[in-house]
C-alpha atoms as a PDB file:
ATOM      1  CA  MET A   1     -31.033 -17.855  17.923  1.00  0.00           C
ATOM      2  CA  ASP A   2     -32.105 -14.284  18.977  1.00  0.00           C
ATOM      3  CA  ILE A   3     -29.410 -13.522  21.972  1.00  0.00           C
ATOM      4  CA  SER A   4     -28.277  -9.952  22.110  1.00  0.00           C
ATOM      5  CA  TYR A   5     -24.569  -9.424  23.288  1.00  0.00           C
ATOM      6  CA  ARG A   6     -26.550  -7.539  26.288  1.00  0.00           C
ATOM      7  CA  GLN A   7     -28.323 -10.191  27.340  1.00  0.00           C
ATOM      8  CA  LEU A   8     -24.675 -12.618  26.913  1.00  0.00           C
ATOM      9  CA  ARG A   9     -23.071  -9.763  29.150  1.00  0.00           C
ATOM     10  CA  ALA A  10     -26.032  -9.251  31.641  1.00  0.00           C
ATOM     11  CA  PHE A  11     -25.504 -13.320  31.919  1.00  0.00           C
ATOM     12  CA  VAL A  12     -21.752 -13.353  32.763  1.00  0.00           C
ATOM     13  CA  GLU A  13     -22.265 -10.429  34.990  1.00  0.00           C
ATOM     14  CA  VAL A  14     -24.838 -12.169  36.760  1.00  0.00           C
ATOM     15  CA  ALA A  15     -23.040 -14.973  37.177  1.00  0.00           C
ATOM     16  CA  THR A  16     -19.614 -13.406  38.248  1.00  0.00           C
ATOM     17  CA  SER A  17     -21.409 -11.434  40.981  1.00  0.00           C
ATOM     18  CA  SER A  18     -22.503 -12.576  44.446  1.00  0.00           C
ATOM     19  CA  THR A  19     -26.097 -11.130  43.851  1.00  0.00           C
ATOM     20  CA  PHE A  20     -28.124  -9.480  40.720  1.00  0.00           C
ATOM     21  CA  ALA A  21     -27.838  -6.211  43.072  1.00  0.00           C
ATOM     22  CA  GLU A  22     -24.445  -6.230  42.256  1.00  0.00           C
ATOM     23  CA  ALA A  23     -24.997  -6.943  38.717  1.00  0.00           C
ATOM     24  CA  SER A  24     -26.905  -4.149  38.026  1.00  0.00           C
ATOM     25  CA  ALA A  25     -24.697  -1.146  39.776  1.00  0.00           C
ATOM     26  CA  LYS A  26     -21.698  -2.980  37.081  1.00  0.00           C
ATOM     27  CA  LEU A  27     -24.225  -2.562  34.600  1.00  0.00           C
ATOM     28  CA  HIS A  28     -25.683   0.429  34.972  1.00  0.00           C
ATOM     29  CA  LEU A  29     -28.922  -1.591  34.751  1.00  0.00           C
ATOM     30  CA  THR A  30     -32.379  -1.693  37.026  1.00  0.00           C
ATOM     31  CA  GLN A  31     -32.877  -5.029  38.862  1.00  0.00           C
ATOM     32  CA  PRO A  32     -35.898  -5.556  36.959  1.00  0.00           C
ATOM     33  CA  ALA A  33     -34.366  -4.690  33.346  1.00  0.00           C
ATOM     34  CA  LEU A  34     -31.631  -6.981  34.546  1.00  0.00           C
ATOM     35  CA  SER A  35     -34.098  -9.345  35.322  1.00  0.00           C
ATOM     36  CA  SER A  36     -35.883  -9.496  32.521  1.00  0.00           C
ATOM     37  CA  SER A  37     -32.888  -9.582  29.904  1.00  0.00           C
ATOM     38  CA  ILE A  38     -32.077 -12.922  31.881  1.00  0.00           C
ATOM     39  CA  LYS A  39     -35.430 -14.047  31.893  1.00  0.00           C
ATOM     40  CA  LYS A  40     -35.567 -13.771  28.147  1.00  0.00           C
ATOM     41  CA  MET A  41     -32.312 -15.362  27.772  1.00  0.00           C
ATOM     42  CA  GLU A  42     -33.183 -18.774  29.345  1.00  0.00           C
ATOM     43  CA  GLN A  43     -36.497 -18.377  27.404  1.00  0.00           C
ATOM     44  CA  HIS A  44     -34.778 -18.931  24.606  1.00  0.00           C
ATOM     45  CA  LEU A  45     -32.671 -21.270  25.847  1.00  0.00           C
ATOM     46  CA  GLY A  46     -35.065 -23.191  26.905  1.00  0.00           C
ATOM     47  CA  GLY A  47     -33.845 -23.822  30.224  1.00  0.00           C
ATOM     48  CA  ARG A  48     -32.862 -21.841  33.304  1.00  0.00           C
ATOM     49  CA  LEU A  49     -29.189 -20.438  33.991  1.00  0.00           C
ATOM     50  CA  PHE A  50     -29.375 -19.742  37.403  1.00  0.00           C
ATOM     51  CA  GLU A  51     -30.788 -20.725  40.936  1.00  0.00           C
ATOM     52  CA  ARG A  52     -32.195 -17.785  42.731  1.00  0.00           C
ATOM     53  CA  ASN A  53     -33.127 -17.587  46.972  1.00  0.00           C
ATOM     54  CA  THR A  54     -33.572 -14.191  49.127  1.00  0.00           C
ATOM     55  CA  ARG A  55     -29.800 -13.700  49.814  1.00  0.00           C
ATOM     56  CA  ASN A  56     -28.282 -15.048  46.150  1.00  0.00           C
ATOM     57  CA  VAL A  57     -28.185 -16.645  43.000  1.00  0.00           C
ATOM     58  CA  ASN A  58     -26.043 -19.562  41.354  1.00  0.00           C
ATOM     59  CA  LEU A  59     -25.560 -21.333  38.172  1.00  0.00           C
ATOM     60  CA  THR A  60     -27.140 -24.017  37.552  1.00  0.00           C
ATOM     61  CA  PRO A  61     -25.228 -27.466  35.862  1.00  0.00           C
ATOM     62  CA  GLU A  62     -26.313 -25.820  31.945  1.00  0.00           C
ATOM     63  CA  GLY A  63     -24.868 -22.131  33.096  1.00  0.00           C
ATOM     64  CA  GLU A  64     -22.092 -23.846  34.617  1.00  0.00           C
ATOM     65  CA  LEU A  65     -21.280 -25.086  31.119  1.00  0.00           C
ATOM     66  CA  LEU A  66     -22.515 -21.789  29.285  1.00  0.00           C
ATOM     67  CA  LEU A  67     -20.296 -19.562  31.473  1.00  0.00           C
ATOM     68  CA  PRO A  68     -16.575 -20.010  29.633  1.00  0.00           C
ATOM     69  CA  ASN A  69     -17.827 -19.755  26.368  1.00  0.00           C
ATOM     70  CA  ALA A  70     -20.076 -16.843  26.710  1.00  0.00           C
ATOM     71  CA  ILE A  71     -16.953 -15.015  28.487  1.00  0.00           C
ATOM     72  CA  ARG A  72     -14.811 -16.195  24.916  1.00  0.00           C
ATOM     73  CA  LEU A  73     -17.732 -14.603  22.819  1.00  0.00           C
ATOM     74  CA  ILE A  74     -17.025 -11.500  24.373  1.00  0.00           C
ATOM     75  CA  ARG A  75     -14.028 -11.112  24.596  1.00  0.00           C
ATOM     76  CA  ASP A  76     -13.808 -11.871  20.681  1.00  0.00           C
ATOM     77  CA  TRP A  77     -17.074  -9.307  19.819  1.00  0.00           C
ATOM     78  CA  ASP A  78     -15.141  -7.102  22.288  1.00  0.00           C
ATOM     79  CA  ASN A  79     -11.185  -7.883  20.355  1.00  0.00           C
ATOM     80  CA  THR A  80     -12.964  -7.819  17.176  1.00  0.00           C
ATOM     81  CA  PHE A  81     -14.403  -4.140  17.064  1.00  0.00           C
ATOM     82  CA  SER A  82     -11.827  -2.963  18.859  1.00  0.00           C
ATOM     83  CA  ASP A  83      -9.062  -4.081  16.166  1.00  0.00           C
ATOM     84  CA  THR A  84     -11.486  -2.322  13.694  1.00  0.00           C
ATOM     85  CA  GLN A  85     -11.789   0.658  15.575  1.00  0.00           C
ATOM     86  CA  ASN A  86      -7.870   0.395  15.648  1.00  0.00           C
ATOM     87  CA  LEU A  87      -7.683   0.207  11.753  1.00  0.00           C
ATOM     88  CA  PHE A  88      -9.720   3.196  11.449  1.00  0.00           C
ATOM     89  CA  ALA A  89      -8.239   4.853  14.303  1.00  0.00           C
ATOM     90  CA  MET A  90      -5.251   3.770  12.129  1.00  0.00           C
ATOM     91  CA  ALA A  91      -3.598   2.727  15.501  1.00  0.00           C
ATOM     92  CA  LYS A  92      -2.687  -0.820  13.942  1.00  0.00           C
ATOM     93  CA  GLY A  93      -2.199  -2.954  10.941  1.00  0.00           C
ATOM     94  CA  GLN A  94      -0.667  -3.458   8.079  1.00  0.00           C
ATOM     95  CA  LEU A  95      -0.214  -1.495   4.430  1.00  0.00           C
ATOM     96  CA  THR A  96       1.182  -3.260   1.549  1.00  0.00           C
ATOM     97  CA  VAL A  97       2.543  -1.152  -1.224  1.00  0.00           C
ATOM     98  CA  CYS A  98       4.568  -1.546  -4.219  1.00  0.00           C
ATOM     99  CA  ALA A  99       7.245   0.429  -6.000  1.00  0.00           C
ATOM    100  CA  MET A 100       9.051   0.389  -9.302  1.00  0.00           C
ATOM    101  CA  PRO A 101      12.824   0.071  -8.168  1.00  0.00           C
ATOM    102  CA  SER A 102      13.747   3.568  -9.415  1.00  0.00           C
ATOM    103  CA  PHE A 103      11.456   4.806  -7.613  1.00  0.00           C
ATOM    104  CA  ALA A 104      11.462   2.924  -4.959  1.00  0.00           C
ATOM    105  CA  GLU A 105      14.792   3.893  -4.105  1.00  0.00           C
ATOM    106  CA  SER A 106      15.131   7.728  -4.712  1.00  0.00           C
ATOM    107  CA  GLN A 107      11.629   8.630  -4.048  1.00  0.00           C
ATOM    108  CA  LEU A 108       9.239   6.607  -1.948  1.00  0.00           C
ATOM    109  CA  PRO A 109      11.875   6.216   1.585  1.00  0.00           C
ATOM    110  CA  LEU A 110      11.158  10.039   2.337  1.00  0.00           C
ATOM    111  CA  LEU A 111       7.783   9.864   1.744  1.00  0.00           C
ATOM    112  CA  LEU A 112       7.517   6.381   4.169  1.00  0.00           C
ATOM    113  CA  SER A 113       9.495   8.446   6.382  1.00  0.00           C
ATOM    114  CA  GLU A 114       6.833  11.249   6.714  1.00  0.00           C
ATOM    115  CA  PHE A 115       3.883   8.559   6.455  1.00  0.00           C
ATOM    116  CA  HIS A 116       5.948   6.568   9.469  1.00  0.00           C
ATOM    117  CA  THR A 117       5.338   9.728  11.396  1.00  0.00           C
ATOM    118  CA  SER A 118       1.476  10.169  11.088  1.00  0.00           C
ATOM    119  CA  ALA A 119       0.542   6.440  11.642  1.00  0.00           C
ATOM    120  CA  PRO A 120       3.730   5.094  14.026  1.00  0.00           C
ATOM    121  CA  ASN A 121       2.072   1.625  14.263  1.00  0.00           C
ATOM    122  CA  ILE A 122       1.118   0.757  10.636  1.00  0.00           C
ATOM    123  CA  ASN A 123       3.643  -1.939   9.650  1.00  0.00           C
ATOM    124  CA  ILE A 124       4.793  -1.094   6.358  1.00  0.00           C
ATOM    125  CA  ARG A 125       5.602  -3.655   3.731  1.00  0.00           C
ATOM    126  CA  VAL A 126       7.241  -2.172   0.188  1.00  0.00           C
ATOM    127  CA  ILE A 127       7.143  -4.874  -2.771  1.00  0.00           C
ATOM    128  CA  ASP A 128       9.968  -2.988  -5.084  1.00  0.00           C
ATOM    129  CA  ILE A 129       8.782  -4.715  -8.591  1.00  0.00           C
ATOM    130  CA  VAL A 130       8.900  -3.667 -12.344  1.00  0.00           C
ATOM    131  CA  MET A 131       6.235  -1.518 -13.565  1.00  0.00           C
ATOM    132  CA  GLU A 132       4.355  -4.331 -15.615  1.00  0.00           C
ATOM    133  CA  GLN A 133       4.069  -6.581 -12.054  1.00  0.00           C
ATOM    134  CA  VAL A 134       3.486  -3.093 -10.090  1.00  0.00           C
ATOM    135  CA  ILE A 135       0.253  -3.255 -12.124  1.00  0.00           C
ATOM    136  CA  ASN A 136      -0.761  -6.768 -11.923  1.00  0.00           C
ATOM    137  CA  GLU A 137      -0.083  -6.601  -8.211  1.00  0.00           C
ATOM    138  CA  VAL A 138      -2.820  -3.949  -8.063  1.00  0.00           C
ATOM    139  CA  THR A 139      -5.354  -5.063 -10.344  1.00  0.00           C
ATOM    140  CA  SER A 140      -5.114  -8.608  -8.693  1.00  0.00           C
ATOM    141  CA  GLY A 141      -5.285  -7.132  -5.213  1.00  0.00           C
ATOM    142  CA  ARG A 142      -2.248  -8.360  -3.306  1.00  0.00           C
ATOM    143  CA  CYS A 143      -1.124  -4.559  -2.929  1.00  0.00           C
ATOM    144  CA  GLU A 144      -3.877  -1.715  -2.026  1.00  0.00           C
ATOM    145  CA  LEU A 145      -1.696   0.914  -4.109  1.00  0.00           C
ATOM    146  CA  GLY A 146       1.213   1.415  -6.170  1.00  0.00           C
ATOM    147  CA  PHE A 147       4.071   3.505  -7.358  1.00  0.00           C
ATOM    148  CA  SER A 148       4.211   4.115 -11.363  1.00  0.00           C
ATOM    149  CA  PHE A 149       4.442   5.272 -14.352  1.00  0.00           C
ATOM    150  CA  GLU A 150       1.106   6.096 -16.084  1.00  0.00           C
ATOM    151  CA  PRO A 151      -0.118   3.278 -17.874  1.00  0.00           C
ATOM    152  CA  ASP A 152      -0.698   3.220 -21.509  1.00  0.00           C
ATOM    153  CA  ARG A 153      -4.139   1.016 -20.563  1.00  0.00           C
ATOM    154  CA  LYS A 154      -5.966   1.417 -17.545  1.00  0.00           C
ATOM    155  CA  ASP A 155      -8.660  -1.021 -17.616  1.00  0.00           C
ATOM    156  CA  GLY A 156      -9.859  -1.370 -13.640  1.00  0.00           C
ATOM    157  CA  LEU A 157      -7.229   1.271 -12.570  1.00  0.00           C
ATOM    158  CA  ILE A 158      -7.271   4.987 -11.379  1.00  0.00           C
ATOM    159  CA  PHE A 159      -4.272   6.848 -11.874  1.00  0.00           C
ATOM    160  CA  GLU A 160      -3.448   9.888 -10.456  1.00  0.00           C
ATOM    161  CA  SER A 161       0.012  12.065 -11.227  1.00  0.00           C
ATOM    162  CA  LEU A 162       2.413  12.974  -9.206  1.00  0.00           C
ATOM    163  CA  PHE A 163       5.244  14.582 -11.948  1.00  0.00           C
ATOM    164  CA  ARG A 164       6.351  14.197 -14.748  1.00  0.00           C
ATOM    165  CA  ASP A 165       9.375  12.069 -15.580  1.00  0.00           C
ATOM    166  CA  GLN A 166      11.920  13.781 -18.372  1.00  0.00           C
ATOM    167  CA  PHE A 167      13.701  11.169 -20.091  1.00  0.00           C
ATOM    168  CA  VAL A 168      17.854  11.345 -20.343  1.00  0.00           C
ATOM    169  CA  VAL A 169      20.602   9.476 -22.188  1.00  0.00           C
ATOM    170  CA  VAL A 170      23.004   8.221 -19.722  1.00  0.00           C
ATOM    171  CA  ALA A 171      26.606   7.671 -21.465  1.00  0.00           C
ATOM    172  CA  ASN A 172      30.109   7.114 -19.633  1.00  0.00           C
ATOM    173  CA  ASP A 173      32.900   9.790 -20.330  1.00  0.00           C
ATOM    174  CA  VAL A 174      33.822   9.063 -23.677  1.00  0.00           C
ATOM    175  CA  GLN A 175      30.363   8.275 -24.894  1.00  0.00           C
ATOM    176  CA  ALA A 176      28.922  11.522 -23.486  1.00  0.00           C
ATOM    177  CA  ASN A 177      31.876  13.794 -24.729  1.00  0.00           C
ATOM    178  CA  VAL A 178      30.407  12.440 -28.300  1.00  0.00           C
ATOM    179  CA  ILE A 179      26.637  13.078 -27.573  1.00  0.00           C
ATOM    180  CA  ASN A 180      27.106  16.255 -25.877  1.00  0.00           C
ATOM    181  CA  GLN A 181      28.862  18.021 -28.823  1.00  0.00           C
ATOM    182  CA  GLU A 182      25.430  17.807 -30.415  1.00  0.00           C
ATOM    183  CA  PRO A 183      22.792  16.401 -27.775  1.00  0.00           C
ATOM    184  CA  HIS A 184      20.297  15.505 -30.096  1.00  0.00           C
ATOM    185  CA  TRP A 185      18.116  11.908 -30.548  1.00  0.00           C
ATOM    186  CA  ILE A 186      19.742  11.847 -34.200  1.00  0.00           C
ATOM    187  CA  SER A 187      23.197  11.960 -31.649  1.00  0.00           C
ATOM    188  CA  CYS A 188      21.873   9.098 -30.036  1.00  0.00           C
ATOM    189  CA  ILE A 189      21.035   7.007 -32.983  1.00  0.00           C
ATOM    190  CA  ALA A 190      24.663   7.078 -33.946  1.00  0.00           C
ATOM    191  CA  GLN A 191      25.433   5.413 -30.593  1.00  0.00           C
ATOM    192  CA  PRO A 192      25.401   1.698 -30.063  1.00  0.00           C
ATOM    193  CA  LEU A 193      22.171   1.107 -27.690  1.00  0.00           C
ATOM    194  CA  VAL A 194      21.992  -0.986 -24.603  1.00  0.00           C
ATOM    195  CA  MET A 195      17.876  -1.433 -23.689  1.00  0.00           C
ATOM    196  CA  MET A 196      15.757  -2.501 -20.653  1.00  0.00           C
ATOM    197  CA  ASN A 197      13.773  -6.035 -21.844  1.00  0.00           C
ATOM    198  CA  ARG A 198      11.297  -5.844 -24.790  1.00  0.00           C
ATOM    199  CA  GLY A 199       8.159  -5.878 -23.893  1.00  0.00           C
ATOM    200  CA  SER A 200       8.445  -3.243 -20.955  1.00  0.00           C
ATOM    201  CA  ALA A 201       6.193  -0.033 -21.242  1.00  0.00           C
ATOM    202  CA  VAL A 202       9.781   1.955 -20.954  1.00  0.00           C
ATOM    203  CA  ARG A 203      11.432  -0.259 -24.075  1.00  0.00           C
ATOM    204  CA  ASN A 204       8.942   0.571 -25.928  1.00  0.00           C
ATOM    205  CA  TRP A 205       8.575   4.114 -25.221  1.00  0.00           C
ATOM    206  CA  THR A 206      12.446   4.941 -25.591  1.00  0.00           C
ATOM    207  CA  GLN A 207      12.365   2.597 -28.458  1.00  0.00           C
ATOM    208  CA  ASN A 208       9.705   4.143 -30.367  1.00  0.00           C
ATOM    209  CA  LYS A 209      11.166   7.739 -29.758  1.00  0.00           C
ATOM    210  CA  LEU A 210      14.682   6.455 -31.143  1.00  0.00           C
ATOM    211  CA  GLU A 211      12.934   5.233 -34.013  1.00  0.00           C
ATOM    212  CA  GLN A 212      11.589   8.446 -35.091  1.00  0.00           C
ATOM    213  CA  TYR A 213      14.623   9.412 -36.073  1.00  0.00           C
ATOM    214  CA  GLY A 214      16.185   5.890 -37.720  1.00  0.00           C
ATOM    215  CA  GLU A 215      17.150   2.747 -36.701  1.00  0.00           C
ATOM    216  CA  PRO A 216      18.656   2.070 -33.194  1.00  0.00           C
ATOM    217  CA  ASN A 217      21.557   0.050 -33.140  1.00  0.00           C
ATOM    218  CA  ILE A 218      20.283  -2.125 -29.679  1.00  0.00           C
ATOM    219  CA  VAL A 219      23.602  -4.542 -28.750  1.00  0.00           C
ATOM    220  CA  ALA A 220      21.899  -5.711 -25.633  1.00  0.00           C
ATOM    221  CA  GLU A 221      18.736  -5.624 -23.363  1.00  0.00           C
ATOM    222  CA  THR A 222      18.450  -6.753 -19.777  1.00  0.00           C
ATOM    223  CA  GLY A 223      15.731  -6.604 -17.051  1.00  0.00           C
ATOM    224  CA  GLN A 224      17.649  -4.794 -14.138  1.00  0.00           C
ATOM    225  CA  LEU A 225      18.968  -1.090 -13.962  1.00  0.00           C
ATOM    226  CA  SER A 226      22.331  -2.483 -12.452  1.00  0.00           C
ATOM    227  CA  THR A 227      23.388  -4.703 -15.023  1.00  0.00           C
ATOM    228  CA  LEU A 228      22.076  -1.836 -17.897  1.00  0.00           C
ATOM    229  CA  GLY A 229      24.614   1.031 -15.682  1.00  0.00           C
ATOM    230  CA  LYS A 230      27.578  -1.779 -15.563  1.00  0.00           C
ATOM    231  CA  LEU A 231      26.533  -2.306 -19.286  1.00  0.00           C
ATOM    232  CA  ILE A 232      27.012   1.363 -19.584  1.00  0.00           C
ATOM    233  CA  GLN A 233      29.644   2.079 -17.404  1.00  0.00           C
ATOM    234  CA  HIS A 234      31.954  -1.060 -19.593  1.00  0.00           C
ATOM    235  CA  GLY A 235      31.168   1.146 -23.213  1.00  0.00           C
ATOM    236  CA  LEU A 236      29.039  -1.348 -24.158  1.00  0.00           C
ATOM    237  CA  GLY A 237      26.588   1.240 -25.070  1.00  0.00           C
ATOM    238  CA  ILE A 238      25.035   4.259 -24.226  1.00  0.00           C
ATOM    239  CA  SER A 239      21.461   4.276 -22.883  1.00  0.00           C
ATOM    240  CA  VAL A 240      18.011   6.078 -22.731  1.00  0.00           C
ATOM    241  CA  MET A 241      15.853   5.863 -19.514  1.00  0.00           C
ATOM    242  CA  PRO A 242      13.628   7.747 -16.818  1.00  0.00           C
ATOM    243  CA  SER A 243      15.445  10.616 -14.807  1.00  0.00           C
ATOM    244  CA  ILE A 244      14.200   9.219 -12.234  1.00  0.00           C
ATOM    245  CA  CYS A 245      16.916   6.644 -12.302  1.00  0.00           C
ATOM    246  CA  ALA A 246      19.620   9.604 -12.675  1.00  0.00           C
ATOM    247  CA  PRO A 247      20.625   9.324  -8.887  1.00  0.00           C
ATOM    248  CA  GLN A 248      21.907   5.613  -9.219  1.00  0.00           C
ATOM    249  CA  MET A 249      23.551   5.784 -12.731  1.00  0.00           C
ATOM    250  CA  ILE A 250      25.298   8.871 -11.279  1.00  0.00           C
ATOM    251  CA  GLY A 251      26.504   7.013  -8.813  1.00  0.00           C
ATOM    252  CA  LEU A 252      27.862   4.418 -11.003  1.00  0.00           C
ATOM    253  CA  GLY A 253      30.155   7.647 -12.413  1.00  0.00           C
ATOM    254  CA  LEU A 254      28.193   7.853 -15.313  1.00  0.00           C
ATOM    255  CA  SER A 255      26.866  11.314 -17.216  1.00  0.00           C
ATOM    256  CA  VAL A 256      23.174  11.835 -17.458  1.00  0.00           C
ATOM    257  CA  ILE A 257      22.232  14.223 -20.362  1.00  0.00           C
ATOM    258  CA  LYS A 258      18.843  15.951 -21.079  1.00  0.00           C
ATOM    259  CA  ILE A 259      17.791  16.094 -24.417  1.00  0.00           C
ATOM    260  CA  GLU A 260      15.883  19.272 -24.509  1.00  0.00           C
ATOM    261  CA  LYS A 261      14.527  19.077 -28.559  1.00  0.00           C
ATOM    262  CA  ASP A 262      11.295  16.862 -28.444  1.00  0.00           C
ATOM    263  CA  PRO A 263      11.621  15.514 -25.223  1.00  0.00           C
ATOM    264  CA  LEU A 264      10.401  12.192 -23.911  1.00  0.00           C
ATOM    265  CA  MET A 265       8.076  12.976 -21.246  1.00  0.00           C
ATOM    266  CA  LYS A 266       5.932  10.618 -19.261  1.00  0.00           C
ATOM    267  CA  ASN A 267       4.005  10.267 -16.025  1.00  0.00           C
ATOM    268  CA  ILE A 268       4.818   9.014 -13.052  1.00  0.00           C
ATOM    269  CA  GLY A 269       1.941   8.426 -10.122  1.00  0.00           C
ATOM    270  CA  LEU A 270       0.054   6.193  -8.124  1.00  0.00           C
ATOM    271  CA  ILE A 271      -2.337   3.571  -8.967  1.00  0.00           C
ATOM    272  CA  ARG A 272      -5.609   1.678  -7.373  1.00  0.00           C
ATOM    273  CA  ASN A 273      -7.903  -1.016  -8.249  1.00  0.00           C
ATOM    274  CA  ALA A 274     -11.101   1.076  -9.189  1.00  0.00           C
ATOM    275  CA  ARG A 275     -12.847  -1.701  -8.091  1.00  0.00           C
ATOM    276  CA  LYS A 276     -11.863  -1.634  -4.712  1.00  0.00           C
ATOM    277  CA  GLY A 277     -11.935   0.895  -2.333  1.00  0.00           C
ATOM    278  CA  LEU A 278      -8.399   1.802   0.152  1.00  0.00           C
ATOM    279  CA  SER A 279      -7.944   1.037   4.217  1.00  0.00           C
ATOM    280  CA  VAL A 280      -7.719   4.428   5.672  1.00  0.00           C
ATOM    281  CA  SER A 281      -4.085   4.425   5.888  1.00  0.00           C
ATOM    282  CA  ALA A 282      -3.506   3.315   2.418  1.00  0.00           C
ATOM    283  CA  ARG A 283      -6.044   6.489   1.414  1.00  0.00           C
ATOM    284  CA  SER A 284      -3.621   8.273   4.057  1.00  0.00           C
ATOM    285  CA  LEU A 285      -0.561   7.480   2.015  1.00  0.00           C
ATOM    286  CA  TRP A 286      -2.516   8.380  -1.060  1.00  0.00           C
ATOM    287  CA  GLU A 287      -3.371  12.032   0.195  1.00  0.00           C
ATOM    288  CA  LEU A 288      -0.375  12.481   1.489  1.00  0.00           C
ATOM    289  CA  SER A 289       2.032  11.485  -1.375  1.00  0.00           C
ATOM    290  CA  VAL A 290      -0.381  13.415  -3.575  1.00  0.00           C
ATOM    291  CA  LYS A 291      -0.154  16.524  -1.495  1.00  0.00           C
ATOM    292  CA  LYS A 292       3.780  16.611  -0.693  1.00  0.00           C
ATOM    293  CA  TYR A 293       4.651  16.770  -4.718  1.00  0.00           C
ATOM    294  CA  ARG A 294       1.584  19.215  -5.294  1.00  0.00           C
ATOM    295  CA  LYS A 295       3.305  21.366  -2.563  1.00  0.00           C
ATOM    296  CA  SER A 296       6.588  20.816  -4.351  1.00  0.00           C
ATOM    297  CA  GLN A 297       5.466  21.960  -7.601  1.00  0.00           C
ATOM    298  CA  GLU A 298       3.766  24.922  -6.700  1.00  0.00           C
ATOM    299  CA  VAL A 299       6.985  26.085  -4.826  1.00  0.00           C
ATOM    300  CA  CYS A 300       9.159  25.386  -8.052  1.00  0.00           C
END
């Protein structure tokens, strides 16, 4: 049915005013224009909505039935577009992001703090999960953007690098004394190793690097960084992991050793679904993150 918002609004104003003149003033319309709008609406509906006389207008029984529904429709219409305007203005809304635990713990809090300053009414939901799940969440559309290592395959994804991470060796004091005498991958091969679970990108990258220098002796594996740190702490073996994990490992009293010759380097950055656009809030966080890391690299 071809009844416009303006016609519905005109009907409500006339119904809640004592005269056409009063309704015309509220709507900033001439009385002939208002009368024409009401008449067209009545024609579309097939009957009269008002009883008119020289002094005032009264609703017909059909008009009285229509009025509460018309008020509700206008309120829903106004709220719908007001909510959308608020989303565009970041005056309200929710943003879901996912991040690798190492990034979520070390880098994300400061980013989100700065984002919250610029968009205080956006509710932020953080999902901290391993890299492979970050990719799945973004690919499926459950998260708008994710913080992750650069995937080996980017089917359906857009990746923006924020910084490069140099992998490090993590060891307890006894193990570190041995490795520091000759910090090289060959020194690592001579030690028992504890690693992340098979199938993870970090495990594949570190194992491939070690295998360039010999056969690694992997004695244990786990899916949690905290568990890995405990295994190293108790002397089960050393490990190779991204340097973004270093603060957590140092917090456990472990040594972090850089291998300067033939280092293992990987990009860490943002990923999003290539087939979907970003909301205003997600785009704002994306741009803030890129700007922040580019600025820090310029300072360096």
